[in-house]
Amino acid sequence: MTHVVSDSCIRCKYTDCVDVCPVDCFREGPNMLVIDPDECIDCAVCIPECPVNAIYAEEDLPSDQLHFIKINADLTSAPGWKSITKRKEALPDADEWKDKTNKLSELVR
């Protein structure tokens, strides 16, 4: 199994999770992070670090977020999606977006 970054990360991109990842499985895009399913070791240390509760174990992903399994896998190797291993500042308007839902249309690939 792997962990999955869900809709809650879009337009926020808090990076607290990358500091604790022992295998550097996070990839950074323009306005969200994803987890490389081939690199994730299912340790779960990232889950409590996410201030917007965007990270789930694959088997715990809410049914309305299941499409993010494929999104994470696809974006892992998408052009421009690079490994991120150190915490950065969140997006400037992250606090305005952190409580919003259904943000898939806001995802910049």
PDB file of N, CA and C in Angstrom:
ATOM      1  N   MET A   1       0.836  -1.192   0.000  1.00  0.00           N
ATOM      2  CA  MET A   1       0.000   0.000   0.000  1.00  0.00           C
ATOM      3  C   MET A   1       0.879   1.252   0.000  1.00  0.00           C
ATOM      4  N   THR A   2       0.251   2.346  -0.298  1.00  0.00           N
ATOM      5  CA  THR A   2       0.952   3.622  -0.326  1.00  0.00           C
ATOM      6  C   THR A   2       0.085   4.680   0.337  1.00  0.00           C
ATOM      7  N   HIS A   3       0.605   5.854   0.423  1.00  0.00           N
ATOM      8  CA  HIS A   3      -0.157   6.985   0.914  1.00  0.00           C
ATOM      9  C   HIS A   3      -0.464   7.901  -0.256  1.00  0.00           C
ATOM     10  N   VAL A   4      -1.510   8.686  -0.100  1.00  0.00           N
ATOM     11  CA  VAL A   4      -2.024   9.498  -1.198  1.00  0.00           C
ATOM     12  C   VAL A   4      -2.289  10.905  -0.695  1.00  0.00           C
ATOM     13  N   VAL A   5      -1.891  11.896  -1.491  1.00  0.00           N
ATOM     14  CA  VAL A   5      -2.231  13.287  -1.206  1.00  0.00           C
ATOM     15  C   VAL A   5      -3.544  13.572  -1.924  1.00  0.00           C
ATOM     16  N   SER A   6      -4.478  14.145  -1.201  1.00  0.00           N
ATOM     17  CA  SER A   6      -5.823  14.366  -1.735  1.00  0.00           C
ATOM     18  C   SER A   6      -6.076  15.834  -2.073  1.00  0.00           C
ATOM     19  N   ASP A   7      -7.304  16.083  -2.420  1.00  0.00           N
ATOM     20  CA  ASP A   7      -7.816  17.385  -2.831  1.00  0.00           C
ATOM     21  C   ASP A   7      -7.449  18.537  -1.883  1.00  0.00           C
ATOM     22  N   SER A   8      -7.361  18.262  -0.610  1.00  0.00           N
ATOM     23  CA  SER A   8      -7.115  19.320   0.378  1.00  0.00           C
ATOM     24  C   SER A   8      -5.799  20.056   0.174  1.00  0.00           C
ATOM     25  N   CYS A   9      -4.843  19.427  -0.486  1.00  0.00           N
ATOM     26  CA  CYS A   9      -3.525  20.042  -0.697  1.00  0.00           C
ATOM     27  C   CYS A   9      -3.549  21.109  -1.803  1.00  0.00           C
ATOM     28  N   ILE A  10      -4.480  20.978  -2.720  1.00  0.00           N
ATOM     29  CA  ILE A  10      -4.515  21.888  -3.868  1.00  0.00           C
ATOM     30  C   ILE A  10      -4.687  23.331  -3.410  1.00  0.00           C
ATOM     31  N   ARG A  11      -3.836  24.206  -3.940  1.00  0.00           N
ATOM     32  CA  ARG A  11      -3.796  25.643  -3.666  1.00  0.00           C
ATOM     33  C   ARG A  11      -3.319  25.970  -2.256  1.00  0.00           C
ATOM     34  N   CYS A  12      -2.840  24.976  -1.544  1.00  0.00           N
ATOM     35  CA  CYS A  12      -2.248  25.204  -0.217  1.00  0.00           C
ATOM     36  C   CYS A  12      -0.762  24.890  -0.261  1.00  0.00           C
ATOM     37  N   LYS A  13      -0.463  23.636  -0.539  1.00  0.00           N
ATOM     38  CA  LYS A  13       0.905  23.125  -0.657  1.00  0.00           C
ATOM     39  C   LYS A  13       1.737  23.399   0.589  1.00  0.00           C
ATOM     40  N   TYR A  14       1.168  23.025   1.726  1.00  0.00           N
ATOM     41  CA  TYR A  14       1.963  23.031   2.954  1.00  0.00           C
ATOM     42  C   TYR A  14       2.975  21.907   2.810  1.00  0.00           C
ATOM     43  N   THR A  15       4.181  22.107   3.260  1.00  0.00           N
ATOM     44  CA  THR A  15       5.226  21.116   3.032  1.00  0.00           C
ATOM     45  C   THR A  15       5.794  20.523   4.321  1.00  0.00           C
ATOM     46  N   ASP A  16       5.061  20.623   5.400  1.00  0.00           N
ATOM     47  CA  ASP A  16       5.498  20.051   6.676  1.00  0.00           C
ATOM     48  C   ASP A  16       5.802  18.554   6.528  1.00  0.00           C
ATOM     49  N   CYS A  17       5.058  17.893   5.680  1.00  0.00           N
ATOM     50  CA  CYS A  17       5.179  16.444   5.488  1.00  0.00           C
ATOM     51  C   CYS A  17       6.523  16.017   4.914  1.00  0.00           C
ATOM     52  N   VAL A  18       7.124  16.829   4.077  1.00  0.00           N
ATOM     53  CA  VAL A  18       8.361  16.402   3.408  1.00  0.00           C
ATOM     54  C   VAL A  18       9.539  16.318   4.373  1.00  0.00           C
ATOM     55  N   ASP A  19       9.519  17.102   5.416  1.00  0.00           N
ATOM     56  CA  ASP A  19      10.615  17.069   6.396  1.00  0.00           C
ATOM     57  C   ASP A  19      10.712  15.739   7.130  1.00  0.00           C
ATOM     58  N   VAL A  20       9.601  15.050   7.291  1.00  0.00           N
ATOM     59  CA  VAL A  20       9.613  13.808   8.069  1.00  0.00           C
ATOM     60  C   VAL A  20       9.693  12.549   7.211  1.00  0.00           C
ATOM     61  N   CYS A  21       9.572  12.691   5.911  1.00  0.00           N
ATOM     62  CA  CYS A  21       9.566  11.522   5.029  1.00  0.00           C
ATOM     63  C   CYS A  21      10.964  10.890   4.963  1.00  0.00           C
ATOM     64  N   PRO A  22      11.079   9.632   5.384  1.00  0.00           N
ATOM     65  CA  PRO A  22      12.404   8.995   5.398  1.00  0.00           C
ATOM     66  C   PRO A  22      12.904   8.547   4.022  1.00  0.00           C
ATOM     67  N   VAL A  23      12.017   8.541   3.016  1.00  0.00           N
ATOM     68  CA  VAL A  23      12.427   8.062   1.689  1.00  0.00           C
ATOM     69  C   VAL A  23      12.261   9.113   0.586  1.00  0.00           C
ATOM     70  N   ASP A  24      11.942  10.334   0.955  1.00  0.00           N
ATOM     71  CA  ASP A  24      11.826  11.427  -0.020  1.00  0.00           C
ATOM     72  C   ASP A  24      10.894  11.079  -1.178  1.00  0.00           C
ATOM     73  N   CYS A  25       9.678  10.657  -0.855  1.00  0.00           N
ATOM     74  CA  CYS A  25       8.735  10.232  -1.888  1.00  0.00           C
ATOM     75  C   CYS A  25       7.784  11.334  -2.357  1.00  0.00           C
ATOM     76  N   PHE A  26       7.918  12.539  -1.836  1.00  0.00           N
ATOM     77  CA  PHE A  26       7.034  13.620  -2.262  1.00  0.00           C
ATOM     78  C   PHE A  26       7.543  14.283  -3.530  1.00  0.00           C
ATOM     79  N   ARG A  27       6.598  14.656  -4.386  1.00  0.00           N
ATOM     80  CA  ARG A  27       6.898  15.401  -5.603  1.00  0.00           C
ATOM     81  C   ARG A  27       6.104  16.700  -5.542  1.00  0.00           C
ATOM     82  N   GLU A  28       6.732  17.772  -6.022  1.00  0.00           N
ATOM     83  CA  GLU A  28       6.126  19.097  -5.939  1.00  0.00           C
ATOM     84  C   GLU A  28       5.713  19.583  -7.316  1.00  0.00           C
ATOM     85  N   GLY A  29       4.460  20.012  -7.400  1.00  0.00           N
ATOM     86  CA  GLY A  29       3.953  20.644  -8.603  1.00  0.00           C
ATOM     87  C   GLY A  29       3.669  22.100  -8.318  1.00  0.00           C
ATOM     88  N   PRO A  30       3.089  22.803  -9.272  1.00  0.00           N
ATOM     89  CA  PRO A  30       2.843  24.233  -9.097  1.00  0.00           C
ATOM     90  C   PRO A  30       1.984  24.593  -7.888  1.00  0.00           C
ATOM     91  N   ASN A  31       0.949  23.766  -7.601  1.00  0.00           N
ATOM     92  CA  ASN A  31       0.095  24.145  -6.476  1.00  0.00           C
ATOM     93  C   ASN A  31      -0.373  22.985  -5.601  1.00  0.00           C
ATOM     94  N   MET A  32       0.382  21.895  -5.603  1.00  0.00           N
ATOM     95  CA  MET A  32       0.124  20.793  -4.667  1.00  0.00           C
ATOM     96  C   MET A  32       1.320  19.850  -4.652  1.00  0.00           C
ATOM     97  N   LEU A  33       1.304  18.939  -3.704  1.00  0.00           N
ATOM     98  CA  LEU A  33       2.288  17.868  -3.616  1.00  0.00           C
ATOM     99  C   LEU A  33       1.589  16.549  -3.947  1.00  0.00           C
ATOM    100  N   VAL A  34       2.365  15.568  -4.394  1.00  0.00           N
ATOM    101  CA  VAL A  34       1.870  14.208  -4.552  1.00  0.00           C
ATOM    102  C   VAL A  34       2.902  13.251  -3.961  1.00  0.00           C
ATOM    103  N   ILE A  35       2.490  12.014  -3.777  1.00  0.00           N
ATOM    104  CA  ILE A  35       3.375  10.979  -3.260  1.00  0.00           C
ATOM    105  C   ILE A  35       3.631   9.962  -4.363  1.00  0.00           C
ATOM    106  N   ASP A  36       4.900   9.650  -4.560  1.00  0.00           N
ATOM    107  CA  ASP A  36       5.289   8.629  -5.525  1.00  0.00           C
ATOM    108  C   ASP A  36       4.957   7.265  -4.917  1.00  0.00           C
ATOM    109  N   PRO A  37       3.996   6.541  -5.505  1.00  0.00           N
ATOM    110  CA  PRO A  37       3.601   5.257  -4.912  1.00  0.00           C
ATOM    111  C   PRO A  37       4.699   4.193  -4.974  1.00  0.00           C
ATOM    112  N   ASP A  38       5.654   4.362  -5.874  1.00  0.00           N
ATOM    113  CA  ASP A  38       6.746   3.397  -5.965  1.00  0.00           C
ATOM    114  C   ASP A  38       7.826   3.642  -4.914  1.00  0.00           C
ATOM    115  N   GLU A  39       7.848   4.843  -4.349  1.00  0.00           N
ATOM    116  CA  GLU A  39       8.848   5.196  -3.346  1.00  0.00           C
ATOM    117  C   GLU A  39       8.315   5.123  -1.917  1.00  0.00           C
ATOM    118  N   CYS A  40       7.020   5.360  -1.745  1.00  0.00           N
ATOM    119  CA  CYS A  40       6.407   5.389  -0.409  1.00  0.00           C
ATOM    120  C   CYS A  40       6.549   4.024   0.264  1.00  0.00           C
ATOM    121  N   ILE A  41       6.979   4.039   1.530  1.00  0.00           N
ATOM    122  CA  ILE A  41       7.145   2.794   2.284  1.00  0.00           C
ATOM    123  C   ILE A  41       6.015   2.587   3.297  1.00  0.00           C
ATOM    124  N   ASP A  42       4.984   3.403   3.207  1.00  0.00           N
ATOM    125  CA  ASP A  42       3.792   3.224   4.032  1.00  0.00           C
ATOM    126  C   ASP A  42       4.081   3.394   5.525  1.00  0.00           C
ATOM    127  N   CYS A  43       4.983   4.304   5.845  1.00  0.00           N
ATOM    128  CA  CYS A  43       5.348   4.496   7.254  1.00  0.00           C
ATOM    129  C   CYS A  43       4.351   5.380   8.014  1.00  0.00           C
ATOM    130  N   ALA A  44       3.625   6.222   7.301  1.00  0.00           N
ATOM    131  CA  ALA A  44       2.563   7.072   7.866  1.00  0.00           C
ATOM    132  C   ALA A  44       3.050   8.257   8.694  1.00  0.00           C
ATOM    133  N   VAL A  45       4.339   8.527   8.746  1.00  0.00           N
ATOM    134  CA  VAL A  45       4.804   9.656   9.554  1.00  0.00           C
ATOM    135  C   VAL A  45       4.359  10.998   8.976  1.00  0.00           C
ATOM    136  N   CYS A  46       4.008  11.039   7.715  1.00  0.00           N
ATOM    137  CA  CYS A  46       3.583  12.288   7.080  1.00  0.00           C
ATOM    138  C   CYS A  46       2.158  12.694   7.458  1.00  0.00           C
ATOM    139  N   ILE A  47       1.321  11.724   7.764  1.00  0.00           N
ATOM    140  CA  ILE A  47      -0.100  12.010   7.996  1.00  0.00           C
ATOM    141  C   ILE A  47      -0.324  13.057   9.089  1.00  0.00           C
ATOM    142  N   PRO A  48       0.227  12.895  10.280  1.00  0.00           N
ATOM    143  CA  PRO A  48      -0.050  13.895  11.320  1.00  0.00           C
ATOM    144  C   PRO A  48       0.617  15.247  11.066  1.00  0.00           C
ATOM    145  N   GLU A  49       1.562  15.305  10.160  1.00  0.00           N
ATOM    146  CA  GLU A  49       2.258  16.563   9.875  1.00  0.00           C
ATOM    147  C   GLU A  49       1.460  17.501   8.976  1.00  0.00           C
ATOM    148  N   CYS A  50       0.511  16.976   8.237  1.00  0.00           N
ATOM    149  CA  CYS A  50      -0.243  17.790   7.283  1.00  0.00           C
ATOM    150  C   CYS A  50      -1.291  18.635   8.010  1.00  0.00           C
ATOM    151  N   PRO A  51      -1.170  19.964   7.935  1.00  0.00           N
ATOM    152  CA  PRO A  51      -2.110  20.821   8.659  1.00  0.00           C
ATOM    153  C   PRO A  51      -3.517  20.862   8.058  1.00  0.00           C
ATOM    154  N   VAL A  52      -3.691  20.317   6.845  1.00  0.00           N
ATOM    155  CA  VAL A  52      -5.020  20.313   6.228  1.00  0.00           C
ATOM    156  C   VAL A  52      -5.561  18.891   6.040  1.00  0.00           C
ATOM    157  N   ASN A  53      -4.921  17.919   6.671  1.00  0.00           N
ATOM    158  CA  ASN A  53      -5.375  16.523   6.604  1.00  0.00           C
ATOM    159  C   ASN A  53      -5.560  16.033   5.175  1.00  0.00           C
ATOM    160  N   ALA A  54      -4.572  16.308   4.343  1.00  0.00           N
ATOM    161  CA  ALA A  54      -4.652  15.941   2.930  1.00  0.00           C
ATOM    162  C   ALA A  54      -4.063  14.571   2.628  1.00  0.00           C
ATOM    163  N   ILE A  55      -3.381  13.944   3.577  1.00  0.00           N
ATOM    164  CA  ILE A  55      -2.688  12.688   3.305  1.00  0.00           C
ATOM    165  C   ILE A  55      -3.420  11.530   3.975  1.00  0.00           C
ATOM    166  N   TYR A  56      -3.629  10.487   3.175  1.00  0.00           N
ATOM    167  CA  TYR A  56      -4.325   9.299   3.655  1.00  0.00           C
ATOM    168  C   TYR A  56      -3.555   8.045   3.259  1.00  0.00           C
ATOM    169  N   ALA A  57      -3.678   7.014   4.063  1.00  0.00           N
ATOM    170  CA  ALA A  57      -3.289   5.689   3.590  1.00  0.00           C
ATOM    171  C   ALA A  57      -4.272   5.349   2.477  1.00  0.00           C
ATOM    172  N   GLU A  58      -3.789   4.712   1.444  1.00  0.00           N
ATOM    173  CA  GLU A  58      -4.647   4.415   0.288  1.00  0.00           C
ATOM    174  C   GLU A  58      -5.959   3.753   0.702  1.00  0.00           C
ATOM    175  N   GLU A  59      -5.884   2.815   1.639  1.00  0.00           N
ATOM    176  CA  GLU A  59      -7.097   2.101   2.044  1.00  0.00           C
ATOM    177  C   GLU A  59      -8.049   2.961   2.881  1.00  0.00           C
ATOM    178  N   ASP A  60      -7.583   4.094   3.375  1.00  0.00           N
ATOM    179  CA  ASP A  60      -8.424   4.992   4.171  1.00  0.00           C
ATOM    180  C   ASP A  60      -8.921   6.206   3.392  1.00  0.00           C
ATOM    181  N   LEU A  61      -8.555   6.299   2.140  1.00  0.00           N
ATOM    182  CA  LEU A  61      -8.945   7.440   1.314  1.00  0.00           C
ATOM    183  C   LEU A  61     -10.464   7.483   1.179  1.00  0.00           C
ATOM    184  N   PRO A  62     -11.077   8.636   1.440  1.00  0.00           N
ATOM    185  CA  PRO A  62     -12.538   8.732   1.284  1.00  0.00           C
ATOM    186  C   PRO A  62     -12.954   8.376  -0.144  1.00  0.00           C
ATOM    187  N   SER A  63     -14.114   7.783  -0.283  1.00  0.00           N
ATOM    188  CA  SER A  63     -14.559   7.297  -1.594  1.00  0.00           C
ATOM    189  C   SER A  63     -14.626   8.409  -2.648  1.00  0.00           C
ATOM    190  N   ASP A  64     -14.912   9.630  -2.222  1.00  0.00           N
ATOM    191  CA  ASP A  64     -14.977  10.724  -3.195  1.00  0.00           C
ATOM    192  C   ASP A  64     -13.592  11.251  -3.580  1.00  0.00           C
ATOM    193  N   GLN A  65     -12.545  10.662  -3.016  1.00  0.00           N
ATOM    194  CA  GLN A  65     -11.164  11.074  -3.314  1.00  0.00           C
ATOM    195  C   GLN A  65     -10.355   9.956  -3.987  1.00  0.00           C
ATOM    196  N   LEU A  66     -10.976   8.850  -4.308  1.00  0.00           N
ATOM    197  CA  LEU A  66     -10.264   7.701  -4.866  1.00  0.00           C
ATOM    198  C   LEU A  66      -9.520   8.026  -6.159  1.00  0.00           C
ATOM    199  N   HIS A  67     -10.012   8.976  -6.927  1.00  0.00           N
ATOM    200  CA  HIS A  67      -9.344   9.361  -8.179  1.00  0.00           C
ATOM    201  C   HIS A  67      -7.951   9.939  -7.913  1.00  0.00           C
ATOM    202  N   PHE A  68      -7.675  10.339  -6.683  1.00  0.00           N
ATOM    203  CA  PHE A  68      -6.353  10.877  -6.363  1.00  0.00           C
ATOM    204  C   PHE A  68      -5.275   9.794  -6.307  1.00  0.00           C
ATOM    205  N   ILE A  69      -5.644   8.538  -6.243  1.00  0.00           N
ATOM    206  CA  ILE A  69      -4.647   7.464  -6.345  1.00  0.00           C
ATOM    207  C   ILE A  69      -3.972   7.563  -7.707  1.00  0.00           C
ATOM    208  N   LYS A  70      -4.766   7.670  -8.752  1.00  0.00           N
ATOM    209  CA  LYS A  70      -4.233   7.780 -10.112  1.00  0.00           C
ATOM    210  C   LYS A  70      -3.546   9.127 -10.327  1.00  0.00           C
ATOM    211  N   ILE A  71      -4.122  10.187  -9.806  1.00  0.00           N
ATOM    212  CA  ILE A  71      -3.516  11.514  -9.955  1.00  0.00           C
ATOM    213  C   ILE A  71      -2.117  11.534  -9.348  1.00  0.00           C
ATOM    214  N   ASN A  72      -1.966  10.997  -8.136  1.00  0.00           N
ATOM    215  CA  ASN A  72      -0.642  10.944  -7.502  1.00  0.00           C
ATOM    216  C   ASN A  72       0.322  10.148  -8.359  1.00  0.00           C
ATOM    217  N   ALA A  73      -0.093   8.980  -8.815  1.00  0.00           N
ATOM    218  CA  ALA A  73       0.781   8.124  -9.621  1.00  0.00           C
ATOM    219  C   ALA A  73       1.167   8.811 -10.929  1.00  0.00           C
ATOM    220  N   ASP A  74       0.201   9.430 -11.595  1.00  0.00           N
ATOM    221  CA  ASP A  74       0.470  10.079 -12.882  1.00  0.00           C
ATOM    222  C   ASP A  74       1.381  11.291 -12.737  1.00  0.00           C
ATOM    223  N   LEU A  75       1.133  12.116 -11.730  1.00  0.00           N
ATOM    224  CA  LEU A  75       1.903  13.353 -11.599  1.00  0.00           C
ATOM    225  C   LEU A  75       3.315  13.115 -11.074  1.00  0.00           C
ATOM    226  N   THR A  76       3.547  11.980 -10.467  1.00  0.00           N
ATOM    227  CA  THR A  76       4.883  11.636  -9.982  1.00  0.00           C
ATOM    228  C   THR A  76       5.923  11.738 -11.092  1.00  0.00           C
ATOM    229  N   SER A  77       5.545  11.336 -12.279  1.00  0.00           N
ATOM    230  CA  SER A  77       6.494  11.360 -13.393  1.00  0.00           C
ATOM    231  C   SER A  77       6.172  12.429 -14.428  1.00  0.00           C
ATOM    232  N   ALA A  78       5.277  13.331 -14.108  1.00  0.00           N
ATOM    233  CA  ALA A  78       4.913  14.401 -15.049  1.00  0.00           C
ATOM    234  C   ALA A  78       6.054  15.410 -15.156  1.00  0.00           C
ATOM    235  N   PRO A  79       6.245  15.973 -16.332  1.00  0.00           N
ATOM    236  CA  PRO A  79       7.292  16.991 -16.495  1.00  0.00           C
ATOM    237  C   PRO A  79       7.107  18.133 -15.491  1.00  0.00           C
ATOM    238  N   GLY A  80       8.185  18.523 -14.869  1.00  0.00           N
ATOM    239  CA  GLY A  80       8.148  19.641 -13.923  1.00  0.00           C
ATOM    240  C   GLY A  80       7.838  19.259 -12.488  1.00  0.00           C
ATOM    241  N   TRP A  81       7.384  18.038 -12.256  1.00  0.00           N
ATOM    242  CA  TRP A  81       7.079  17.584 -10.893  1.00  0.00           C
ATOM    243  C   TRP A  81       8.338  16.950 -10.330  1.00  0.00           C
ATOM    244  N   LYS A  82       9.029  17.706  -9.487  1.00  0.00           N
ATOM    245  CA  LYS A  82      10.336  17.309  -8.958  1.00  0.00           C
ATOM    246  C   LYS A  82      10.237  16.849  -7.508  1.00  0.00           C
ATOM    247  N   SER A  83      11.214  16.088  -7.107  1.00  0.00           N
ATOM    248  CA  SER A  83      11.312  15.648  -5.726  1.00  0.00           C
ATOM    249  C   SER A  83      11.482  16.858  -4.806  1.00  0.00           C
ATOM    250  N   ILE A  84      10.802  16.827  -3.679  1.00  0.00           N
ATOM    251  CA  ILE A  84      10.951  17.877  -2.673  1.00  0.00           C
ATOM    252  C   ILE A  84      11.327  17.193  -1.365  1.00  0.00           C
ATOM    253  N   THR A  85      12.398  17.667  -0.747  1.00  0.00           N
ATOM    254  CA  THR A  85      12.907  17.019   0.458  1.00  0.00           C
ATOM    255  C   THR A  85      13.029  17.962   1.648  1.00  0.00           C
ATOM    256  N   LYS A  86      12.818  19.243   1.424  1.00  0.00           N
ATOM    257  CA  LYS A  86      12.922  20.236   2.502  1.00  0.00           C
ATOM    258  C   LYS A  86      11.663  21.093   2.532  1.00  0.00           C
ATOM    259  N   ARG A  87      11.274  21.435   3.709  1.00  0.00           N
ATOM    260  CA  ARG A  87      10.087  22.271   3.906  1.00  0.00           C
ATOM    261  C   ARG A  87      10.275  23.651   3.283  1.00  0.00           C
ATOM    262  N   LYS A  88       9.198  24.162   2.687  1.00  0.00           N
ATOM    263  CA  LYS A  88       9.157  25.503   2.108  1.00  0.00           C
ATOM    264  C   LYS A  88       7.925  26.214   2.660  1.00  0.00           C
ATOM    265  N   GLU A  89       7.849  27.479   2.390  1.00  0.00           N
ATOM    266  CA  GLU A  89       6.639  28.218   2.747  1.00  0.00           C
ATOM    267  C   GLU A  89       5.469  27.710   1.911  1.00  0.00           C
ATOM    268  N   ALA A  90       4.289  27.700   2.498  1.00  0.00           N
ATOM    269  CA  ALA A  90       3.082  27.337   1.760  1.00  0.00           C
ATOM    270  C   ALA A  90       2.801  28.420   0.720  1.00  0.00           C
ATOM    271  N   LEU A  91       1.862  28.154  -0.155  1.00  0.00           N
ATOM    272  CA  LEU A  91       1.483  29.163  -1.144  1.00  0.00           C
ATOM    273  C   LEU A  91       0.963  30.411  -0.422  1.00  0.00           C
ATOM    274  N   PRO A  92       1.154  31.568  -1.012  1.00  0.00           N
ATOM    275  CA  PRO A  92       0.788  32.821  -0.328  1.00  0.00           C
ATOM    276  C   PRO A  92      -0.667  32.896   0.135  1.00  0.00           C
ATOM    277  N   ASP A  93      -1.573  32.297  -0.613  1.00  0.00           N
ATOM    278  CA  ASP A  93      -2.991  32.357  -0.236  1.00  0.00           C
ATOM    279  C   ASP A  93      -3.498  31.032   0.334  1.00  0.00           C
ATOM    280  N   ALA A  94      -2.591  30.217   0.854  1.00  0.00           N
ATOM    281  CA  ALA A  94      -2.950  28.892   1.380  1.00  0.00           C
ATOM    282  C   ALA A  94      -4.015  28.967   2.469  1.00  0.00           C
ATOM    283  N   ASP A  95      -3.900  29.915   3.346  1.00  0.00           N
ATOM    284  CA  ASP A  95      -4.876  30.007   4.435  1.00  0.00           C
ATOM    285  C   ASP A  95      -6.288  30.295   3.920  1.00  0.00           C
ATOM    286  N   GLU A  96      -6.389  30.958   2.790  1.00  0.00           N
ATOM    287  CA  GLU A  96      -7.700  31.226   2.194  1.00  0.00           C
ATOM    288  C   GLU A  96      -8.306  29.967   1.581  1.00  0.00           C
ATOM    289  N   TRP A  97      -7.463  29.020   1.175  1.00  0.00           N
ATOM    290  CA  TRP A  97      -7.915  27.817   0.482  1.00  0.00           C
ATOM    291  C   TRP A  97      -7.993  26.579   1.370  1.00  0.00           C
ATOM    292  N   LYS A  98      -7.396  26.606   2.546  1.00  0.00           N
ATOM    293  CA  LYS A  98      -7.234  25.381   3.329  1.00  0.00           C
ATOM    294  C   LYS A  98      -8.532  24.693   3.730  1.00  0.00           C
ATOM    295  N   ASP A  99      -9.602  25.412   3.884  1.00  0.00           N
ATOM    296  CA  ASP A  99     -10.861  24.801   4.304  1.00  0.00           C
ATOM    297  C   ASP A  99     -11.827  24.549   3.148  1.00  0.00           C
ATOM    298  N   LYS A 100     -11.420  24.885   1.944  1.00  0.00           N
ATOM    299  CA  LYS A 100     -12.290  24.671   0.780  1.00  0.00           C
ATOM    300  C   LYS A 100     -12.195  23.215   0.330  1.00  0.00           C
ATOM    301  N   THR A 101     -13.257  22.738  -0.274  1.00  0.00           N
ATOM    302  CA  THR A 101     -13.304  21.363  -0.772  1.00  0.00           C
ATOM    303  C   THR A 101     -13.549  21.381  -2.279  1.00  0.00           C
ATOM    304  N   ASN A 102     -13.457  20.221  -2.882  1.00  0.00           N
ATOM    305  CA  ASN A 102     -13.702  20.067  -4.321  1.00  0.00           C
ATOM    306  C   ASN A 102     -12.852  21.021  -5.141  1.00  0.00           C
ATOM    307  N   LYS A 103     -11.554  20.945  -4.945  1.00  0.00           N
ATOM    308  CA  LYS A 103     -10.622  21.871  -5.597  1.00  0.00           C
ATOM    309  C   LYS A 103      -9.934  21.282  -6.829  1.00  0.00           C
ATOM    310  N   LEU A 104     -10.369  20.136  -7.301  1.00  0.00           N
ATOM    311  CA  LEU A 104      -9.700  19.494  -8.422  1.00  0.00           C
ATOM    312  C   LEU A 104      -9.568  20.411  -9.642  1.00  0.00           C
ATOM    313  N   SER A 105     -10.564  21.218  -9.889  1.00  0.00           N
ATOM    314  CA  SER A 105     -10.507  22.130 -11.044  1.00  0.00           C
ATOM    315  C   SER A 105      -9.409  23.165 -10.888  1.00  0.00           C
ATOM    316  N   GLU A 106      -8.888  23.341  -9.688  1.00  0.00           N
ATOM    317  CA  GLU A 106      -7.819  24.303  -9.412  1.00  0.00           C
ATOM    318  C   GLU A 106      -6.432  23.698  -9.587  1.00  0.00           C
ATOM    319  N   LEU A 107      -6.344  22.382  -9.771  1.00  0.00           N
ATOM    320  CA  LEU A 107      -5.055  21.711  -9.889  1.00  0.00           C
ATOM    321  C   LEU A 107      -4.330  22.154 -11.158  1.00  0.00           C
ATOM    322  N   VAL A 108      -3.101  22.623 -10.972  1.00  0.00           N
ATOM    323  CA  VAL A 108      -2.254  22.998 -12.098  1.00  0.00           C
ATOM    324  C   VAL A 108      -1.300  21.836 -12.333  1.00  0.00           C
ATOM    325  N   ARG A 109      -1.377  21.263 -13.499  1.00  0.00           N
ATOM    326  CA  ARG A 109      -0.538  20.098 -13.819  1.00  0.00           C
ATOM    327  C   ARG A 109       0.682  20.576 -14.522  1.00  0.00           C
TER     328      ARG A 109
END
